[in-house]
PDB file of N, CA and C in Angstrom:
ATOM      1  N   UNK A   1       1.092   1.999  -4.751  1.00  0.00           N
ATOM      2  CA  UNK A   1       2.333   1.394  -4.291  1.00  0.00           C
ATOM      3  C   UNK A   1       2.103   0.142  -3.439  1.00  0.00           C
ATOM      4  N   UNK A   2       1.045   0.144  -2.626  1.00  0.00           N
ATOM      5  CA  UNK A   2       0.750  -1.030  -1.817  1.00  0.00           C
ATOM      6  C   UNK A   2       0.596  -2.318  -2.625  1.00  0.00           C
ATOM      7  N   UNK A   3      -0.125  -2.293  -3.730  1.00  0.00           N
ATOM      8  CA  UNK A   3      -0.265  -3.546  -4.506  1.00  0.00           C
ATOM      9  C   UNK A   3       1.026  -4.134  -4.934  1.00  0.00           C
ATOM     10  N   UNK A   4       2.047  -3.265  -5.167  1.00  0.00           N
ATOM     11  CA  UNK A   4       3.379  -3.768  -5.584  1.00  0.00           C
ATOM     12  C   UNK A   4       4.078  -4.537  -4.456  1.00  0.00           C
ATOM     13  N   UNK A   5       3.693  -4.207  -3.200  1.00  0.00           N
ATOM     14  CA  UNK A   5       4.382  -4.824  -2.051  1.00  0.00           C
ATOM     15  C   UNK A   5       3.650  -6.133  -1.694  1.00  0.00           C
ATOM     16  N   UNK A   6       2.381  -6.225  -1.910  1.00  0.00           N
ATOM     17  CA  UNK A   6       1.575  -7.409  -1.499  1.00  0.00           C
ATOM     18  C   UNK A   6       1.879  -8.536  -2.453  1.00  0.00           C
ATOM     19  N   UNK A   7       1.672  -9.788  -1.894  1.00  0.00           N
ATOM     20  CA  UNK A   7       1.882 -10.988  -2.732  1.00  0.00           C
ATOM     21  C   UNK A   7       0.909 -11.068  -3.921  1.00  0.00           C
ATOM     22  N   UNK A   8       1.463 -11.355  -5.071  1.00  0.00           N
ATOM     23  CA  UNK A   8       0.705 -11.422  -6.272  1.00  0.00           C
ATOM     24  C   UNK A   8      -0.040 -12.762  -6.427  1.00  0.00           C
ATOM     25  N   UNK A   9       0.414 -13.730  -5.691  1.00  0.00           N
ATOM     26  CA  UNK A   9      -0.284 -15.013  -5.700  1.00  0.00           C
ATOM     27  C   UNK A   9      -0.147 -15.676  -4.295  1.00  0.00           C
ATOM     28  N   UNK A  10      -0.948 -16.659  -4.036  1.00  0.00           N
ATOM     29  CA  UNK A  10      -0.956 -17.304  -2.768  1.00  0.00           C
ATOM     30  C   UNK A  10      -2.205 -18.168  -2.609  1.00  0.00           C
ATOM     31  N   UNK A  11      -2.467 -18.633  -1.402  1.00  0.00           N
ATOM     32  CA  UNK A  11      -3.660 -19.429  -1.220  1.00  0.00           C
ATOM     33  C   UNK A  11      -4.906 -18.517  -1.278  1.00  0.00           C
ATOM     34  N   UNK A  12      -6.049 -19.121  -1.365  1.00  0.00           N
ATOM     35  CA  UNK A  12      -7.319 -18.381  -1.519  1.00  0.00           C
ATOM     36  C   UNK A  12      -7.528 -17.384  -0.416  1.00  0.00           C
ATOM     37  N   UNK A  13      -7.403 -17.846   0.841  1.00  0.00           N
ATOM     38  CA  UNK A  13      -7.622 -16.946   1.983  1.00  0.00           C
ATOM     39  C   UNK A  13      -6.674 -15.779   1.987  1.00  0.00           C
ATOM     40  N   UNK A  14      -5.400 -16.021   1.687  1.00  0.00           N
ATOM     41  CA  UNK A  14      -4.410 -14.922   1.593  1.00  0.00           C
ATOM     42  C   UNK A  14      -4.876 -13.905   0.548  1.00  0.00           C
ATOM     43  N   UNK A  15      -5.269 -14.380  -0.593  1.00  0.00           N
ATOM     44  CA  UNK A  15      -5.613 -13.426  -1.677  1.00  0.00           C
ATOM     45  C   UNK A  15      -6.957 -12.695  -1.356  1.00  0.00           C
ATOM     46  N   UNK A  16      -7.835 -13.283  -0.577  1.00  0.00           N
ATOM     47  CA  UNK A  16      -8.986 -12.571  -0.153  1.00  0.00           C
ATOM     48  C   UNK A  16      -8.612 -11.395   0.765  1.00  0.00           C
ATOM     49  N   UNK A  17      -7.685 -11.672   1.641  1.00  0.00           N
ATOM     50  CA  UNK A  17      -7.201 -10.658   2.564  1.00  0.00           C
ATOM     51  C   UNK A  17      -6.471  -9.548   1.749  1.00  0.00           C
ATOM     52  N   UNK A  18      -5.646  -9.946   0.765  1.00  0.00           N
ATOM     53  CA  UNK A  18      -4.926  -8.977  -0.073  1.00  0.00           C
ATOM     54  C   UNK A  18      -5.951  -8.094  -0.817  1.00  0.00           C
ATOM     55  N   UNK A  19      -6.964  -8.698  -1.357  1.00  0.00           N
ATOM     56  CA  UNK A  19      -7.986  -7.923  -2.060  1.00  0.00           C
ATOM     57  C   UNK A  19      -8.641  -6.941  -1.147  1.00  0.00           C
ATOM     58  N   UNK A  20      -8.952  -7.352   0.080  1.00  0.00           N
ATOM     59  CA  UNK A  20      -9.510  -6.471   1.079  1.00  0.00           C
ATOM     60  C   UNK A  20      -8.614  -5.274   1.432  1.00  0.00           C
ATOM     61  N   UNK A  21      -7.312  -5.530   1.538  1.00  0.00           N
ATOM     62  CA  UNK A  21      -6.361  -4.447   1.784  1.00  0.00           C
ATOM     63  C   UNK A  21      -6.336  -3.463   0.606  1.00  0.00           C
ATOM     64  N   UNK A  22      -6.355  -3.966  -0.548  1.00  0.00           N
ATOM     65  CA  UNK A  22      -6.353  -3.053  -1.719  1.00  0.00           C
ATOM     66  C   UNK A  22      -7.603  -2.207  -1.794  1.00  0.00           C
ATOM     67  N   UNK A  23      -8.737  -2.837  -1.557  1.00  0.00           N
ATOM     68  CA  UNK A  23     -10.007  -2.090  -1.582  1.00  0.00           C
ATOM     69  C   UNK A  23     -10.044  -1.062  -0.471  1.00  0.00           C
ATOM     70  N   UNK A  24      -9.515  -1.414   0.698  1.00  0.00           N
ATOM     71  CA  UNK A  24      -9.564  -0.543   1.859  1.00  0.00           C
ATOM     72  C   UNK A  24      -8.714   0.707   1.632  1.00  0.00           C
ATOM     73  N   UNK A  25      -7.614   0.538   0.913  1.00  0.00           N
ATOM     74  CA  UNK A  25      -6.633   1.653   0.766  1.00  0.00           C
ATOM     75  C   UNK A  25      -6.690   2.407  -0.553  1.00  0.00           C
ATOM     76  N   UNK A  26      -7.561   1.962  -1.477  1.00  0.00           N
ATOM     77  CA  UNK A  26      -7.624   2.644  -2.748  1.00  0.00           C
ATOM     78  C   UNK A  26      -8.287   4.027  -2.587  1.00  0.00           C
ATOM     79  N   UNK A  27      -7.922   4.980  -3.438  1.00  0.00           N
ATOM     80  CA  UNK A  27      -8.501   6.313  -3.426  1.00  0.00           C
ATOM     81  C   UNK A  27      -9.937   6.265  -3.871  1.00  0.00           C
ATOM     82  N   UNK A  28     -10.753   6.979  -3.162  1.00  0.00           N
ATOM     83  CA  UNK A  28     -12.219   7.102  -3.514  1.00  0.00           C
ATOM     84  C   UNK A  28     -12.326   8.343  -4.469  1.00  0.00           C
ATOM     85  N   UNK A  29     -13.365   8.406  -5.266  1.00  0.00           N
ATOM     86  CA  UNK A  29     -13.550   9.550  -6.172  1.00  0.00           C
ATOM     87  C   UNK A  29     -13.457  10.912  -5.463  1.00  0.00           C
ATOM     88  N   UNK A  30     -14.028  11.019  -4.279  1.00  0.00           N
ATOM     89  CA  UNK A  30     -13.999  12.312  -3.531  1.00  0.00           C
ATOM     90  C   UNK A  30     -12.556  12.646  -3.147  1.00  0.00           C
ATOM     91  N   UNK A  31     -11.749  11.654  -2.803  1.00  0.00           N
ATOM     92  CA  UNK A  31     -10.322  11.947  -2.441  1.00  0.00           C
ATOM     93  C   UNK A  31      -9.525  12.358  -3.715  1.00  0.00           C
ATOM     94  N   UNK A  32      -9.846  11.727  -4.805  1.00  0.00           N
ATOM     95  CA  UNK A  32      -9.146  12.048  -6.047  1.00  0.00           C
ATOM     96  C   UNK A  32      -9.388  13.492  -6.383  1.00  0.00           C
ATOM     97  N   UNK A  33     -10.626  13.968  -6.263  1.00  0.00           N
ATOM     98  CA  UNK A  33     -10.955  15.372  -6.498  1.00  0.00           C
ATOM     99  C   UNK A  33     -10.303  16.302  -5.442  1.00  0.00           C
ATOM    100  N   UNK A  34     -10.414  15.929  -4.192  1.00  0.00           N
ATOM    101  CA  UNK A  34      -9.945  16.795  -3.085  1.00  0.00           C
ATOM    102  C   UNK A  34      -8.418  17.013  -3.208  1.00  0.00           C
ATOM    103  N   UNK A  35      -7.699  15.948  -3.507  1.00  0.00           N
ATOM    104  CA  UNK A  35      -6.235  16.040  -3.581  1.00  0.00           C
ATOM    105  C   UNK A  35      -5.685  16.231  -4.989  1.00  0.00           C
ATOM    106  N   UNK A  36      -6.565  16.432  -5.954  1.00  0.00           N
ATOM    107  CA  UNK A  36      -6.100  16.700  -7.328  1.00  0.00           C
ATOM    108  C   UNK A  36      -5.247  15.591  -7.881  1.00  0.00           C
ATOM    109  N   UNK A  37      -5.529  14.375  -7.553  1.00  0.00           N
ATOM    110  CA  UNK A  37      -4.715  13.252  -8.006  1.00  0.00           C
ATOM    111  C   UNK A  37      -4.844  13.048  -9.550  1.00  0.00           C
ATOM    112  N   UNK A  38      -3.685  12.924 -10.202  1.00  0.00           N
ATOM    113  CA  UNK A  38      -3.691  12.541 -11.577  1.00  0.00           C
ATOM    114  C   UNK A  38      -2.730  11.389 -11.747  1.00  0.00           C
ATOM    115  N   UNK A  39      -3.095  10.489 -12.643  1.00  0.00           N
ATOM    116  CA  UNK A  39      -2.366   9.273 -12.852  1.00  0.00           C
ATOM    117  C   UNK A  39      -1.808   9.257 -14.303  1.00  0.00           C
ATOM    118  N   UNK A  40      -0.528   8.986 -14.448  1.00  0.00           N
ATOM    119  CA  UNK A  40       0.059   8.925 -15.795  1.00  0.00           C
ATOM    120  C   UNK A  40       1.083   7.847 -15.810  1.00  0.00           C
ATOM    121  N   UNK A  41       1.712   7.595 -16.938  1.00  0.00           N
ATOM    122  CA  UNK A  41       2.805   6.572 -17.043  1.00  0.00           C
ATOM    123  C   UNK A  41       3.973   6.964 -16.212  1.00  0.00           C
ATOM    124  N   UNK A  42       4.090   8.241 -15.816  1.00  0.00           N
ATOM    125  CA  UNK A  42       5.205   8.678 -14.992  1.00  0.00           C
ATOM    126  C   UNK A  42       4.904   8.487 -13.467  1.00  0.00           C
ATOM    127  N   UNK A  43       3.679   8.194 -13.140  1.00  0.00           N
ATOM    128  CA  UNK A  43       3.347   7.987 -11.743  1.00  0.00           C
ATOM    129  C   UNK A  43       2.117   8.849 -11.340  1.00  0.00           C
ATOM    130  N   UNK A  44       2.023   9.123 -10.047  1.00  0.00           N
ATOM    131  CA  UNK A  44       0.915   9.877  -9.506  1.00  0.00           C
ATOM    132  C   UNK A  44       1.364  11.281  -9.149  1.00  0.00           C
ATOM    133  N   UNK A  45       0.535  12.240  -9.447  1.00  0.00           N
ATOM    134  CA  UNK A  45       0.815  13.632  -8.988  1.00  0.00           C
ATOM    135  C   UNK A  45      -0.378  14.106  -8.165  1.00  0.00           C
ATOM    136  N   UNK A  46      -0.150  15.059  -7.239  1.00  0.00           N
ATOM    137  CA  UNK A  46      -1.169  15.531  -6.372  1.00  0.00           C
ATOM    138  C   UNK A  46      -0.923  16.970  -6.007  1.00  0.00           C
ATOM    139  N   UNK A  47      -1.914  17.634  -5.372  1.00  0.00           N
ATOM    140  CA  UNK A  47      -1.822  19.044  -5.001  1.00  0.00           C
ATOM    141  C   UNK A  47      -1.238  19.192  -3.603  1.00  0.00           C
ATOM    142  N   UNK A  48      -1.117  20.435  -3.154  1.00  0.00           N
ATOM    143  CA  UNK A  48      -0.476  20.736  -1.863  1.00  0.00           C
ATOM    144  C   UNK A  48      -1.232  20.136  -0.658  1.00  0.00           C
ATOM    145  N   UNK A  49      -2.541  20.024  -0.721  1.00  0.00           N
ATOM    146  CA  UNK A  49      -3.344  19.408   0.368  1.00  0.00           C
ATOM    147  C   UNK A  49      -2.855  17.989   0.577  1.00  0.00           C
ATOM    148  N   UNK A  50      -2.596  17.291  -0.495  1.00  0.00           N
ATOM    149  CA  UNK A  50      -2.252  15.881  -0.401  1.00  0.00           C
ATOM    150  C   UNK A  50      -0.852  15.663   0.304  1.00  0.00           C
ATOM    151  N   UNK A  51       0.030  16.599   0.122  1.00  0.00           N
ATOM    152  CA  UNK A  51       1.319  16.479   0.695  1.00  0.00           C
ATOM    153  C   UNK A  51       1.357  16.343   2.203  1.00  0.00           C
ATOM    154  N   UNK A  52       0.384  16.995   2.838  1.00  0.00           N
ATOM    155  CA  UNK A  52       0.300  16.947   4.339  1.00  0.00           C
ATOM    156  C   UNK A  52      -0.820  16.024   4.804  1.00  0.00           C
ATOM    157  N   UNK A  53      -1.536  15.387   3.872  1.00  0.00           N
ATOM    158  CA  UNK A  53      -2.669  14.560   4.279  1.00  0.00           C
ATOM    159  C   UNK A  53      -2.140  13.264   4.957  1.00  0.00           C
ATOM    160  N   UNK A  54      -2.875  12.792   5.926  1.00  0.00           N
ATOM    161  CA  UNK A  54      -2.577  11.547   6.543  1.00  0.00           C
ATOM    162  C   UNK A  54      -3.835  10.642   6.508  1.00  0.00           C
ATOM    163  N   UNK A  55      -3.595   9.421   6.262  1.00  0.00           N
ATOM    164  CA  UNK A  55      -4.695   8.497   6.171  1.00  0.00           C
ATOM    165  C   UNK A  55      -4.481   7.408   7.219  1.00  0.00           C
ATOM    166  N   UNK A  56      -5.558   7.064   7.930  1.00  0.00           N
ATOM    167  CA  UNK A  56      -5.482   6.024   8.956  1.00  0.00           C
ATOM    168  C   UNK A  56      -6.492   4.899   8.557  1.00  0.00           C
ATOM    169  N   UNK A  57      -6.026   3.707   8.740  1.00  0.00           N
ATOM    170  CA  UNK A  57      -6.806   2.487   8.405  1.00  0.00           C
ATOM    171  C   UNK A  57      -6.751   1.515   9.617  1.00  0.00           C
ATOM    172  N   UNK A  58      -7.892   0.943   9.925  1.00  0.00           N
ATOM    173  CA  UNK A  58      -7.895  -0.095  10.931  1.00  0.00           C
ATOM    174  C   UNK A  58      -7.502  -1.392  10.236  1.00  0.00           C
ATOM    175  N   UNK A  59      -6.531  -2.150  10.813  1.00  0.00           N
ATOM    176  CA  UNK A  59      -6.074  -3.373  10.177  1.00  0.00           C
ATOM    177  C   UNK A  59      -6.284  -4.508  11.160  1.00  0.00           C
ATOM    178  N   UNK A  60      -6.730  -5.641  10.602  1.00  0.00           N
ATOM    179  CA  UNK A  60      -6.883  -6.888  11.399  1.00  0.00           C
ATOM    180  C   UNK A  60      -5.511  -7.515  11.594  1.00  0.00           C
ATOM    181  N   UNK A  61      -5.428  -8.431  12.529  1.00  0.00           N
ATOM    182  CA  UNK A  61      -4.193  -9.147  12.741  1.00  0.00           C
ATOM    183  C   UNK A  61      -3.753  -9.914  11.474  1.00  0.00           C
ATOM    184  N   UNK A  62      -4.744 -10.471  10.752  1.00  0.00           N
ATOM    185  CA  UNK A  62      -4.424 -11.191   9.529  1.00  0.00           C
ATOM    186  C   UNK A  62      -3.851 -10.269   8.481  1.00  0.00           C
ATOM    187  N   UNK A  63      -4.419  -9.045   8.385  1.00  0.00           N
ATOM    188  CA  UNK A  63      -3.866  -8.074   7.420  1.00  0.00           C
ATOM    189  C   UNK A  63      -2.433  -7.624   7.785  1.00  0.00           C
ATOM    190  N   UNK A  64      -2.257  -7.346   9.059  1.00  0.00           N
ATOM    191  CA  UNK A  64      -0.925  -6.983   9.511  1.00  0.00           C
ATOM    192  C   UNK A  64       0.076  -8.098   9.242  1.00  0.00           C
ATOM    193  N   UNK A  65      -0.317  -9.329   9.512  1.00  0.00           N
ATOM    194  CA  UNK A  65       0.547 -10.497   9.255  1.00  0.00           C
ATOM    195  C   UNK A  65       0.936 -10.586   7.788  1.00  0.00           C
ATOM    196  N   UNK A  66       0.002 -10.399   6.870  1.00  0.00           N
ATOM    197  CA  UNK A  66       0.348 -10.458   5.449  1.00  0.00           C
ATOM    198  C   UNK A  66       1.273  -9.288   5.042  1.00  0.00           C
ATOM    199  N   UNK A  67       0.962  -8.124   5.569  1.00  0.00           N
ATOM    200  CA  UNK A  67       1.813  -6.967   5.269  1.00  0.00           C
ATOM    201  C   UNK A  67       3.246  -7.196   5.746  1.00  0.00           C
ATOM    202  N   UNK A  68       3.437  -7.645   6.963  1.00  0.00           N
ATOM    203  CA  UNK A  68       4.758  -7.886   7.514  1.00  0.00           C
ATOM    204  C   UNK A  68       5.441  -9.015   6.773  1.00  0.00           C
ATOM    205  N   UNK A  69       4.732 -10.048   6.424  1.00  0.00           N
ATOM    206  CA  UNK A  69       5.367 -11.133   5.668  1.00  0.00           C
ATOM    207  C   UNK A  69       5.816 -10.653   4.258  1.00  0.00           C
ATOM    208  N   UNK A  70       5.013  -9.830   3.679  1.00  0.00           N
ATOM    209  CA  UNK A  70       5.319  -9.275   2.336  1.00  0.00           C
ATOM    210  C   UNK A  70       6.533  -8.427   2.388  1.00  0.00           C
ATOM    211  N   UNK A  71       6.614  -7.546   3.412  1.00  0.00           N
ATOM    212  CA  UNK A  71       7.787  -6.661   3.566  1.00  0.00           C
ATOM    213  C   UNK A  71       9.016  -7.448   3.800  1.00  0.00           C
ATOM    214  N   UNK A  72       8.913  -8.488   4.619  1.00  0.00           N
ATOM    215  CA  UNK A  72      10.042  -9.368   4.888  1.00  0.00           C
ATOM    216  C   UNK A  72      10.543 -10.103   3.667  1.00  0.00           C
ATOM    217  N   UNK A  73       9.568 -10.550   2.853  1.00  0.00           N
ATOM    218  CA  UNK A  73       9.953 -11.217   1.615  1.00  0.00           C
ATOM    219  C   UNK A  73      10.719 -10.279   0.670  1.00  0.00           C
ATOM    220  N   UNK A  74      10.198  -9.071   0.535  1.00  0.00           N
ATOM    221  CA  UNK A  74      10.906  -8.088  -0.368  1.00  0.00           C
ATOM    222  C   UNK A  74      12.293  -7.832   0.148  1.00  0.00           C
ATOM    223  N   UNK A  75      12.462  -7.734   1.448  1.00  0.00           N
ATOM    224  CA  UNK A  75      13.813  -7.496   1.983  1.00  0.00           C
ATOM    225  C   UNK A  75      14.720  -8.660   1.746  1.00  0.00           C
ATOM    226  N   UNK A  76      14.259  -9.868   2.026  1.00  0.00           N
ATOM    227  CA  UNK A  76      15.093 -11.080   1.836  1.00  0.00           C
ATOM    228  C   UNK A  76      15.497 -11.237   0.378  1.00  0.00           C
ATOM    229  N   UNK A  77      14.579 -10.886  -0.532  1.00  0.00           N
ATOM    230  CA  UNK A  77      14.816 -11.060  -1.988  1.00  0.00           C
ATOM    231  C   UNK A  77      15.532  -9.836  -2.554  1.00  0.00           C
ATOM    232  N   UNK A  78      15.934  -8.890  -1.709  1.00  0.00           N
ATOM    233  CA  UNK A  78      16.653  -7.668  -2.139  1.00  0.00           C
ATOM    234  C   UNK A  78      15.813  -6.907  -3.186  1.00  0.00           C
ATOM    235  N   UNK A  79      14.528  -6.809  -2.941  1.00  0.00           N
ATOM    236  CA  UNK A  79      13.671  -6.098  -3.903  1.00  0.00           C
ATOM    237  C   UNK A  79      13.129  -4.735  -3.316  1.00  0.00           C
ATOM    238  N   UNK A  80      13.821  -4.294  -2.269  1.00  0.00           N
ATOM    239  CA  UNK A  80      13.463  -3.029  -1.626  1.00  0.00           C
ATOM    240  C   UNK A  80      14.056  -1.931  -2.469  1.00  0.00           C
ATOM    241  N   UNK A  81      13.248  -0.972  -2.835  1.00  0.00           N
ATOM    242  CA  UNK A  81      13.704   0.184  -3.649  1.00  0.00           C
ATOM    243  C   UNK A  81      13.467   1.481  -2.904  1.00  0.00           C
ATOM    244  N   UNK A  82      14.014   2.550  -3.395  1.00  0.00           N
ATOM    245  CA  UNK A  82      13.733   3.879  -2.796  1.00  0.00           C
ATOM    246  C   UNK A  82      12.242   4.177  -2.958  1.00  0.00           C
ATOM    247  N   UNK A  83      11.606   3.635  -3.947  1.00  0.00           N
ATOM    248  CA  UNK A  83      10.189   3.875  -4.215  1.00  0.00           C
ATOM    249  C   UNK A  83       9.331   3.216  -3.100  1.00  0.00           C
ATOM    250  N   UNK A  84       9.704   2.039  -2.609  1.00  0.00           N
ATOM    251  CA  UNK A  84       8.825   1.368  -1.642  1.00  0.00           C
ATOM    252  C   UNK A  84       9.430   1.328  -0.222  1.00  0.00           C
ATOM    253  N   UNK A  85      10.610   1.897  -0.033  1.00  0.00           N
ATOM    254  CA  UNK A  85      11.263   1.817   1.254  1.00  0.00           C
ATOM    255  C   UNK A  85      10.420   2.412   2.406  1.00  0.00           C
ATOM    256  N   UNK A  86       9.881   3.635   2.190  1.00  0.00           N
ATOM    257  CA  UNK A  86       9.169   4.230   3.302  1.00  0.00           C
ATOM    258  C   UNK A  86       7.921   3.439   3.680  1.00  0.00           C
ATOM    259  N   UNK A  87       7.262   2.846   2.678  1.00  0.00           N
ATOM    260  CA  UNK A  87       6.105   1.938   2.984  1.00  0.00           C
ATOM    261  C   UNK A  87       6.501   0.735   3.769  1.00  0.00           C
ATOM    262  N   UNK A  88       7.606   0.164   3.370  1.00  0.00           N
ATOM    263  CA  UNK A  88       8.091  -1.078   4.043  1.00  0.00           C
ATOM    264  C   UNK A  88       8.490  -0.723   5.485  1.00  0.00           C
ATOM    265  N   UNK A  89       9.086   0.425   5.706  1.00  0.00           N
ATOM    266  CA  UNK A  89       9.424   0.845   7.069  1.00  0.00           C
ATOM    267  C   UNK A  89       8.175   1.062   7.942  1.00  0.00           C
ATOM    268  N   UNK A  90       7.126   1.585   7.289  1.00  0.00           N
ATOM    269  CA  UNK A  90       5.865   1.730   8.049  1.00  0.00           C
ATOM    270  C   UNK A  90       5.252   0.406   8.407  1.00  0.00           C
ATOM    271  N   UNK A  91       5.263  -0.515   7.443  1.00  0.00           N
ATOM    272  CA  UNK A  91       4.765  -1.848   7.662  1.00  0.00           C
ATOM    273  C   UNK A  91       5.493  -2.550   8.793  1.00  0.00           C
ATOM    274  N   UNK A  92       6.801  -2.407   8.790  1.00  0.00           N
ATOM    275  CA  UNK A  92       7.636  -3.081   9.843  1.00  0.00           C
ATOM    276  C   UNK A  92       7.380  -2.499  11.190  1.00  0.00           C
ATOM    277  N   UNK A  93       6.910  -1.294  11.271  1.00  0.00           N
ATOM    278  CA  UNK A  93       6.625  -0.639  12.593  1.00  0.00           C
ATOM    279  C   UNK A  93       5.222  -0.967  13.120  1.00  0.00           C
ATOM    280  N   UNK A  94       4.425  -1.739  12.370  1.00  0.00           N
ATOM    281  CA  UNK A  94       3.063  -2.092  12.790  1.00  0.00           C
ATOM    282  C   UNK A  94       3.158  -3.008  14.037  1.00  0.00           C
TER     283      UNK A  94
END
């Protein structure tokens, strides 16, 4: 879901930061096994462990800035959906 919120294009530095955010937050093979993640055209499914799992990431000021800018852009362009609303609210609280 995060890649959908992030800018798809921009200057080189911005896209390097975006790439770093995506790499930082992507699921690792061990997490996929632990949480029983499955990916299909209908979306992502997971097991009971995943429902209560919490993930913490350290973010730089530049990463936070891009996240907040992206969330603001989606809001201004009326592209907030029920699918991305909770993520946008978390980003705005950073």
